[in-house]
Amino acid sequence: MWLKNLQIAIIEKDIEKLDNILNEELPEFEDQEQMEKASYLLKEAAVFLYELKDETSHAMRQIKKNIDFINSTQNKPKNKLDVKY
């Protein structure tokens, strides 16, 4: 059941489900095949999480660029001590 839930979470790309499954205690596997499948699925989960991390990082850089652009296009407030109006 644990393997099936892990596989579903990866296919659905459901981070919350994946987090819950990975925080559960690792089950006892019945044979070598189940261990290999778990290993493969955990590698796939890691790839998915790294891709998500990269996408998030890219989005954050883009947001920073957008904020910098907006700030550069706004009028600078006049200094209160500036006597020229």
PDB file of N, CA and C in Angstrom:
ATOM      1  N   MET A   1       0.823  -1.192   0.000  1.00  0.00           N
ATOM      2  CA  MET A   1       0.000   0.000   0.000  1.00  0.00           C
ATOM      3  C   MET A   1       0.874   1.265   0.000  1.00  0.00           C
ATOM      4  N   TRP A   2       1.970   1.216   0.755  1.00  0.00           N
ATOM      5  CA  TRP A   2       2.881   2.367   0.847  1.00  0.00           C
ATOM      6  C   TRP A   2       3.463   2.671  -0.527  1.00  0.00           C
ATOM      7  N   LEU A   3       3.899   1.629  -1.228  1.00  0.00           N
ATOM      8  CA  LEU A   3       4.477   1.821  -2.557  1.00  0.00           C
ATOM      9  C   LEU A   3       3.452   2.402  -3.526  1.00  0.00           C
ATOM     10  N   LYS A   4       2.227   1.886  -3.473  1.00  0.00           N
ATOM     11  CA  LYS A   4       1.172   2.370  -4.369  1.00  0.00           C
ATOM     12  C   LYS A   4       0.858   3.829  -4.073  1.00  0.00           C
ATOM     13  N   ASN A   5       0.785   4.208  -2.791  1.00  0.00           N
ATOM     14  CA  ASN A   5       0.524   5.598  -2.414  1.00  0.00           C
ATOM     15  C   ASN A   5       1.662   6.515  -2.860  1.00  0.00           C
ATOM     16  N   LEU A   6       2.895   6.036  -2.735  1.00  0.00           N
ATOM     17  CA  LEU A   6       4.049   6.813  -3.184  1.00  0.00           C
ATOM     18  C   LEU A   6       3.998   7.012  -4.692  1.00  0.00           C
ATOM     19  N   GLN A   7       3.674   5.965  -5.408  1.00  0.00           N
ATOM     20  CA  GLN A   7       3.584   6.048  -6.864  1.00  0.00           C
ATOM     21  C   GLN A   7       2.480   7.025  -7.282  1.00  0.00           C
ATOM     22  N   ILE A   8       1.347   6.978  -6.632  1.00  0.00           N
ATOM     23  CA  ILE A   8       0.236   7.882  -6.954  1.00  0.00           C
ATOM     24  C   ILE A   8       0.632   9.328  -6.680  1.00  0.00           C
ATOM     25  N   ALA A   9       1.279   9.573  -5.550  1.00  0.00           N
ATOM     26  CA  ALA A   9       1.694  10.933  -5.198  1.00  0.00           C
ATOM     27  C   ALA A   9       2.666  11.490  -6.242  1.00  0.00           C
ATOM     28  N   ILE A  10       3.566  10.656  -6.730  1.00  0.00           N
ATOM     29  CA  ILE A  10       4.534  11.099  -7.745  1.00  0.00           C
ATOM     30  C   ILE A  10       3.825  11.376  -9.071  1.00  0.00           C
ATOM     31  N   ILE A  11       2.925  10.499  -9.457  1.00  0.00           N
ATOM     32  CA  ILE A  11       2.202  10.685 -10.718  1.00  0.00           C
ATOM     33  C   ILE A  11       1.351  11.944 -10.665  1.00  0.00           C
ATOM     34  N   GLU A  12       0.670  12.159  -9.528  1.00  0.00           N
ATOM     35  CA  GLU A  12      -0.189  13.331  -9.375  1.00  0.00           C
ATOM     36  C   GLU A  12       0.607  14.606  -9.095  1.00  0.00           C
ATOM     37  N   LYS A  13       1.897  14.428  -8.799  1.00  0.00           N
ATOM     38  CA  LYS A  13       2.772  15.550  -8.418  1.00  0.00           C
ATOM     39  C   LYS A  13       2.156  16.321  -7.252  1.00  0.00           C
ATOM     40  N   ASP A  14       1.695  15.551  -6.278  1.00  0.00           N
ATOM     41  CA  ASP A  14       1.044  16.097  -5.089  1.00  0.00           C
ATOM     42  C   ASP A  14       2.070  16.172  -3.956  1.00  0.00           C
ATOM     43  N   ILE A  15       2.533  17.377  -3.686  1.00  0.00           N
ATOM     44  CA  ILE A  15       3.599  17.571  -2.702  1.00  0.00           C
ATOM     45  C   ILE A  15       3.143  17.208  -1.299  1.00  0.00           C
ATOM     46  N   GLU A  16       1.918  17.589  -0.945  1.00  0.00           N
ATOM     47  CA  GLU A  16       1.423  17.293   0.397  1.00  0.00           C
ATOM     48  C   GLU A  16       1.330  15.793   0.632  1.00  0.00           C
ATOM     49  N   LYS A  17       0.782  15.082  -0.346  1.00  0.00           N
ATOM     50  CA  LYS A  17       0.674  13.626  -0.230  1.00  0.00           C
ATOM     51  C   LYS A  17       2.064  12.997  -0.130  1.00  0.00           C
ATOM     52  N   LEU A  18       2.963  13.484  -0.957  1.00  0.00           N
ATOM     53  CA  LEU A  18       4.334  12.977  -0.960  1.00  0.00           C
ATOM     54  C   LEU A  18       5.002  13.217   0.387  1.00  0.00           C
ATOM     55  N   ASP A  19       4.808  14.407   0.933  1.00  0.00           N
ATOM     56  CA  ASP A  19       5.367  14.739   2.245  1.00  0.00           C
ATOM     57  C   ASP A  19       4.813  13.814   3.322  1.00  0.00           C
ATOM     58  N   ASN A  20       3.508  13.597   3.308  1.00  0.00           N
ATOM     59  CA  ASN A  20       2.889  12.712   4.303  1.00  0.00           C
ATOM     60  C   ASN A  20       3.423  11.283   4.195  1.00  0.00           C
ATOM     61  N   ILE A  21       3.560  10.801   2.983  1.00  0.00           N
ATOM     62  CA  ILE A  21       4.046   9.434   2.772  1.00  0.00           C
ATOM     63  C   ILE A  21       5.493   9.305   3.237  1.00  0.00           C
ATOM     64  N   LEU A  22       6.319  10.289   2.898  1.00  0.00           N
ATOM     65  CA  LEU A  22       7.729  10.215   3.266  1.00  0.00           C
ATOM     66  C   LEU A  22       7.950  10.415   4.760  1.00  0.00           C
ATOM     67  N   ASN A  23       7.000  11.054   5.438  1.00  0.00           N
ATOM     68  CA  ASN A  23       7.116  11.219   6.886  1.00  0.00           C
ATOM     69  C   ASN A  23       6.622  10.003   7.657  1.00  0.00           C
ATOM     70  N   GLU A  24       5.933   9.095   6.968  1.00  0.00           N
ATOM     71  CA  GLU A  24       5.516   7.847   7.596  1.00  0.00           C
ATOM     72  C   GLU A  24       6.741   6.957   7.801  1.00  0.00           C
ATOM     73  N   GLU A  25       6.573   6.010   8.683  1.00  0.00           N
ATOM     74  CA  GLU A  25       7.654   5.043   8.898  1.00  0.00           C
ATOM     75  C   GLU A  25       7.758   4.141   7.675  1.00  0.00           C
ATOM     76  N   LEU A  26       8.975   3.889   7.237  1.00  0.00           N
ATOM     77  CA  LEU A  26       9.209   3.047   6.070  1.00  0.00           C
ATOM     78  C   LEU A  26       8.723   1.624   6.368  1.00  0.00           C
ATOM     79  N   PRO A  27       7.916   1.057   5.479  1.00  0.00           N
ATOM     80  CA  PRO A  27       7.378  -0.289   5.753  1.00  0.00           C
ATOM     81  C   PRO A  27       8.427  -1.373   5.558  1.00  0.00           C
ATOM     82  N   GLU A  28       8.115  -2.538   6.064  1.00  0.00           N
ATOM     83  CA  GLU A  28       8.955  -3.719   5.831  1.00  0.00           C
ATOM     84  C   GLU A  28       8.614  -4.248   4.437  1.00  0.00           C
ATOM     85  N   PHE A  29       9.624  -4.447   3.621  1.00  0.00           N
ATOM     86  CA  PHE A  29       9.391  -4.953   2.275  1.00  0.00           C
ATOM     87  C   PHE A  29       9.484  -6.464   2.277  1.00  0.00           C
ATOM     88  N   GLU A  30       8.637  -7.090   1.463  1.00  0.00           N
ATOM     89  CA  GLU A  30       8.550  -8.548   1.448  1.00  0.00           C
ATOM     90  C   GLU A  30       9.667  -9.200   0.642  1.00  0.00           C
ATOM     91  N   ASP A  31      10.112  -8.517  -0.410  1.00  0.00           N
ATOM     92  CA  ASP A  31      11.139  -9.125  -1.243  1.00  0.00           C
ATOM     93  C   ASP A  31      12.013  -8.050  -1.895  1.00  0.00           C
ATOM     94  N   GLN A  32      13.009  -8.525  -2.617  1.00  0.00           N
ATOM     95  CA  GLN A  32      13.966  -7.643  -3.294  1.00  0.00           C
ATOM     96  C   GLN A  32      13.279  -6.752  -4.316  1.00  0.00           C
ATOM     97  N   GLU A  33      12.287  -7.274  -5.006  1.00  0.00           N
ATOM     98  CA  GLU A  33      11.592  -6.514  -6.037  1.00  0.00           C
ATOM     99  C   GLU A  33      10.901  -5.278  -5.449  1.00  0.00           C
ATOM    100  N   GLN A  34      10.271  -5.442  -4.291  1.00  0.00           N
ATOM    101  CA  GLN A  34       9.623  -4.302  -3.639  1.00  0.00           C
ATOM    102  C   GLN A  34      10.656  -3.261  -3.206  1.00  0.00           C
ATOM    103  N   MET A  35      11.799  -3.726  -2.734  1.00  0.00           N
ATOM    104  CA  MET A  35      12.861  -2.788  -2.336  1.00  0.00           C
ATOM    105  C   MET A  35      13.371  -2.002  -3.539  1.00  0.00           C
ATOM    106  N   GLU A  36      13.544  -2.679  -4.655  1.00  0.00           N
ATOM    107  CA  GLU A  36      14.011  -2.010  -5.868  1.00  0.00           C
ATOM    108  C   GLU A  36      12.978  -1.006  -6.372  1.00  0.00           C
ATOM    109  N   LYS A  37      11.706  -1.375  -6.296  1.00  0.00           N
ATOM    110  CA  LYS A  37      10.644  -0.469  -6.720  1.00  0.00           C
ATOM    111  C   LYS A  37      10.608   0.761  -5.807  1.00  0.00           C
ATOM    112  N   ALA A  38      10.768   0.543  -4.508  1.00  0.00           N
ATOM    113  CA  ALA A  38      10.786   1.663  -3.557  1.00  0.00           C
ATOM    114  C   ALA A  38      11.973   2.574  -3.854  1.00  0.00           C
ATOM    115  N   SER A  39      13.114   1.984  -4.133  1.00  0.00           N
ATOM    116  CA  SER A  39      14.311   2.765  -4.450  1.00  0.00           C
ATOM    117  C   SER A  39      14.087   3.605  -5.708  1.00  0.00           C
ATOM    118  N   TYR A  40      13.519   2.996  -6.730  1.00  0.00           N
ATOM    119  CA  TYR A  40      13.245   3.710  -7.975  1.00  0.00           C
ATOM    120  C   TYR A  40      12.260   4.854  -7.734  1.00  0.00           C
ATOM    121  N   LEU A  41      11.189   4.582  -6.986  1.00  0.00           N
ATOM    122  CA  LEU A  41      10.181   5.610  -6.720  1.00  0.00           C
ATOM    123  C   LEU A  41      10.756   6.756  -5.887  1.00  0.00           C
ATOM    124  N   LEU A  42      11.609   6.440  -4.940  1.00  0.00           N
ATOM    125  CA  LEU A  42      12.229   7.485  -4.127  1.00  0.00           C
ATOM    126  C   LEU A  42      13.152   8.357  -4.986  1.00  0.00           C
ATOM    127  N   LYS A  43      13.840   7.740  -5.939  1.00  0.00           N
ATOM    128  CA  LYS A  43      14.674   8.514  -6.860  1.00  0.00           C
ATOM    129  C   LYS A  43      13.804   9.424  -7.723  1.00  0.00           C
ATOM    130  N   GLU A  44      12.674   8.912  -8.185  1.00  0.00           N
ATOM    131  CA  GLU A  44      11.747   9.723  -8.981  1.00  0.00           C
ATOM    132  C   GLU A  44      11.190  10.880  -8.151  1.00  0.00           C
ATOM    133  N   ALA A  45      10.890  10.613  -6.889  1.00  0.00           N
ATOM    134  CA  ALA A  45      10.395  11.673  -5.999  1.00  0.00           C
ATOM    135  C   ALA A  45      11.464  12.748  -5.828  1.00  0.00           C
ATOM    136  N   ALA A  46      12.713  12.334  -5.682  1.00  0.00           N
ATOM    137  CA  ALA A  46      13.807  13.291  -5.531  1.00  0.00           C
ATOM    138  C   ALA A  46      13.954  14.137  -6.788  1.00  0.00           C
ATOM    139  N   VAL A  47      13.868  13.524  -7.957  1.00  0.00           N
ATOM    140  CA  VAL A  47      13.951  14.264  -9.222  1.00  0.00           C
ATOM    141  C   VAL A  47      12.824  15.289  -9.297  1.00  0.00           C
ATOM    142  N   PHE A  48      11.612  14.869  -8.943  1.00  0.00           N
ATOM    143  CA  PHE A  48      10.461  15.772  -8.961  1.00  0.00           C
ATOM    144  C   PHE A  48      10.682  16.945  -8.016  1.00  0.00           C
ATOM    145  N   LEU A  49      11.165  16.684  -6.821  1.00  0.00           N
ATOM    146  CA  LEU A  49      11.378  17.755  -5.846  1.00  0.00           C
ATOM    147  C   LEU A  49      12.482  18.714  -6.292  1.00  0.00           C
ATOM    148  N   TYR A  50      13.555  18.197  -6.898  1.00  0.00           N
ATOM    149  CA  TYR A  50      14.607  19.073  -7.416  1.00  0.00           C
ATOM    150  C   TYR A  50      14.100  19.939  -8.570  1.00  0.00           C
ATOM    151  N   GLU A  51      13.266  19.353  -9.440  1.00  0.00           N
ATOM    152  CA  GLU A  51      12.680  20.138 -10.530  1.00  0.00           C
ATOM    153  C   GLU A  51      11.799  21.247  -9.968  1.00  0.00           C
ATOM    154  N   LEU A  52      11.010  20.915  -8.949  1.00  0.00           N
ATOM    155  CA  LEU A  52      10.152  21.907  -8.318  1.00  0.00           C
ATOM    156  C   LEU A  52      10.981  23.002  -7.661  1.00  0.00           C
ATOM    157  N   LYS A  53      12.082  22.615  -7.039  1.00  0.00           N
ATOM    158  CA  LYS A  53      12.984  23.588  -6.411  1.00  0.00           C
ATOM    159  C   LYS A  53      13.556  24.536  -7.465  1.00  0.00           C
ATOM    160  N   ASP A  54      13.966  23.983  -8.604  1.00  0.00           N
ATOM    161  CA  ASP A  54      14.524  24.811  -9.677  1.00  0.00           C
ATOM    162  C   ASP A  54      13.471  25.763 -10.244  1.00  0.00           C
ATOM    163  N   GLU A  55      12.236  25.265 -10.420  1.00  0.00           N
ATOM    164  CA  GLU A  55      11.160  26.118 -10.923  1.00  0.00           C
ATOM    165  C   GLU A  55      10.876  27.251  -9.943  1.00  0.00           C
ATOM    166  N   THR A  56      10.858  26.935  -8.669  1.00  0.00           N
ATOM    167  CA  THR A  56      10.607  27.943  -7.641  1.00  0.00           C
ATOM    168  C   THR A  56      11.716  28.982  -7.627  1.00  0.00           C
ATOM    169  N   SER A  57      12.944  28.528  -7.731  1.00  0.00           N
ATOM    170  CA  SER A  57      14.084  29.439  -7.759  1.00  0.00           C
ATOM    171  C   SER A  57      14.005  30.368  -8.966  1.00  0.00           C
ATOM    172  N   HIS A  58      13.669  29.808 -10.117  1.00  0.00           N
ATOM    173  CA  HIS A  58      13.534  30.616 -11.333  1.00  0.00           C
ATOM    174  C   HIS A  58      12.418  31.650 -11.170  1.00  0.00           C
ATOM    175  N   ALA A  59      11.288  31.229 -10.609  1.00  0.00           N
ATOM    176  CA  ALA A  59      10.165  32.154 -10.410  1.00  0.00           C
ATOM    177  C   ALA A  59      10.545  33.264  -9.442  1.00  0.00           C
ATOM    178  N   MET A  60      11.294  32.937  -8.407  1.00  0.00           N
ATOM    179  CA  MET A  60      11.711  33.956  -7.442  1.00  0.00           C
ATOM    180  C   MET A  60      12.661  34.966  -8.086  1.00  0.00           C
ATOM    181  N   ARG A  61      13.578  34.488  -8.933  1.00  0.00           N
ATOM    182  CA  ARG A  61      14.475  35.409  -9.644  1.00  0.00           C
ATOM    183  C   ARG A  61      13.690  36.323 -10.566  1.00  0.00           C
ATOM    184  N   GLN A  62      12.693  35.761 -11.253  1.00  0.00           N
ATOM    185  CA  GLN A  62      11.876  36.561 -12.158  1.00  0.00           C
ATOM    186  C   GLN A  62      11.077  37.602 -11.379  1.00  0.00           C
ATOM    187  N   ILE A  63      10.544  37.238 -10.228  1.00  0.00           N
ATOM    188  CA  ILE A  63       9.800  38.192  -9.394  1.00  0.00           C
ATOM    189  C   ILE A  63      10.729  39.310  -8.941  1.00  0.00           C
ATOM    190  N   LYS A  64      11.952  38.969  -8.551  1.00  0.00           N
ATOM    191  CA  LYS A  64      12.906  39.995  -8.127  1.00  0.00           C
ATOM    192  C   LYS A  64      13.217  40.949  -9.279  1.00  0.00           C
ATOM    193  N   LYS A  65      13.407  40.404 -10.479  1.00  0.00           N
ATOM    194  CA  LYS A  65      13.657  41.258 -11.646  1.00  0.00           C
ATOM    195  C   LYS A  65      12.465  42.181 -11.895  1.00  0.00           C
ATOM    196  N   ASN A  66      11.259  41.649 -11.771  1.00  0.00           N
ATOM    197  CA  ASN A  66      10.067  42.461 -11.984  1.00  0.00           C
ATOM    198  C   ASN A  66       9.969  43.571 -10.945  1.00  0.00           C
ATOM    199  N   ILE A  67      10.253  43.261  -9.698  1.00  0.00           N
ATOM    200  CA  ILE A  67      10.210  44.268  -8.634  1.00  0.00           C
ATOM    201  C   ILE A  67      11.264  45.336  -8.887  1.00  0.00           C
ATOM    202  N   ASP A  68      12.471  44.911  -9.255  1.00  0.00           N
ATOM    203  CA  ASP A  68      13.532  45.884  -9.558  1.00  0.00           C
ATOM    204  C   ASP A  68      13.125  46.794 -10.717  1.00  0.00           C
ATOM    205  N   PHE A  69      12.496  46.210 -11.749  1.00  0.00           N
ATOM    206  CA  PHE A  69      12.050  47.013 -12.888  1.00  0.00           C
ATOM    207  C   PHE A  69      10.984  48.022 -12.462  1.00  0.00           C
ATOM    208  N   ILE A  70      10.016  47.558 -11.690  1.00  0.00           N
ATOM    209  CA  ILE A  70       8.952  48.463 -11.217  1.00  0.00           C
ATOM    210  C   ILE A  70       9.540  49.581 -10.376  1.00  0.00           C
ATOM    211  N   ASN A  71      10.461  49.234  -9.494  1.00  0.00           N
ATOM    212  CA  ASN A  71      11.089  50.254  -8.648  1.00  0.00           C
ATOM    213  C   ASN A  71      11.900  51.253  -9.475  1.00  0.00           C
ATOM    214  N   SER A  72      12.509  50.800 -10.550  1.00  0.00           N
ATOM    215  CA  SER A  72      13.318  51.709 -11.371  1.00  0.00           C
ATOM    216  C   SER A  72      12.462  52.649 -12.207  1.00  0.00           C
ATOM    217  N   THR A  73      11.216  52.285 -12.465  1.00  0.00           N
ATOM    218  CA  THR A  73      10.353  53.133 -13.291  1.00  0.00           C
ATOM    219  C   THR A  73       9.513  54.108 -12.475  1.00  0.00           C
ATOM    220  N   GLN A  74       9.509  53.956 -11.170  1.00  0.00           N
ATOM    221  CA  GLN A  74       8.722  54.866 -10.338  1.00  0.00           C
ATOM    222  C   GLN A  74       9.483  56.154 -10.095  1.00  0.00           C
ATOM    223  N   ASN A  75       8.731  57.244  -9.940  1.00  0.00           N
ATOM    224  CA  ASN A  75       9.344  58.529  -9.637  1.00  0.00           C
ATOM    225  C   ASN A  75       9.926  58.484  -8.226  1.00  0.00           C
ATOM    226  N   LYS A  76      11.095  59.056  -8.117  1.00  0.00           N
ATOM    227  CA  LYS A  76      11.739  59.120  -6.802  1.00  0.00           C
ATOM    228  C   LYS A  76      11.067  60.237  -5.993  1.00  0.00           C
ATOM    229  N   PRO A  77      10.761  59.988  -4.732  1.00  0.00           N
ATOM    230  CA  PRO A  77      10.163  61.060  -3.923  1.00  0.00           C
ATOM    231  C   PRO A  77      11.189  62.177  -3.704  1.00  0.00           C
ATOM    232  N   LYS A  78      10.686  63.392  -3.671  1.00  0.00           N
ATOM    233  CA  LYS A  78      11.585  64.527  -3.455  1.00  0.00           C
ATOM    234  C   LYS A  78      12.029  64.553  -2.017  1.00  0.00           C
ATOM    235  N   ASN A  79      13.251  64.987  -1.847  1.00  0.00           N
ATOM    236  CA  ASN A  79      13.814  65.120  -0.524  1.00  0.00           C
ATOM    237  C   ASN A  79      13.135  66.290   0.187  1.00  0.00           C
ATOM    238  N   LYS A  80      12.801  66.141   1.434  1.00  0.00           N
ATOM    239  CA  LYS A  80      12.145  67.218   2.178  1.00  0.00           C
ATOM    240  C   LYS A  80      13.033  68.445   2.298  1.00  0.00           C
ATOM    241  N   LEU A  81      14.315  68.256   2.225  1.00  0.00           N
ATOM    242  CA  LEU A  81      15.239  69.377   2.370  1.00  0.00           C
ATOM    243  C   LEU A  81      15.543  70.054   1.040  1.00  0.00           C
ATOM    244  N   ASP A  82      15.017  69.531  -0.041  1.00  0.00           N
ATOM    245  CA  ASP A  82      15.242  70.110  -1.360  1.00  0.00           C
ATOM    246  C   ASP A  82      14.416  71.394  -1.485  1.00  0.00           C
ATOM    247  N   VAL A  83      15.097  72.524  -1.658  1.00  0.00           N
ATOM    248  CA  VAL A  83      14.398  73.811  -1.721  1.00  0.00           C
ATOM    249  C   VAL A  83      13.920  74.135  -3.135  1.00  0.00           C
ATOM    250  N   LYS A  84      14.330  73.400  -4.130  1.00  0.00           N
ATOM    251  CA  LYS A  84      13.887  73.614  -5.496  1.00  0.00           C
ATOM    252  C   LYS A  84      12.623  72.801  -5.725  1.00  0.00           C
ATOM    253  N   TYR A  85      11.556  73.473  -6.115  1.00  0.00           N
ATOM    254  CA  TYR A  85      10.306  72.770  -6.405  1.00  0.00           C
ATOM    255  C   TYR A  85       9.929  72.969  -7.814  1.00  0.00           C
TER     256      TYR A  85
END
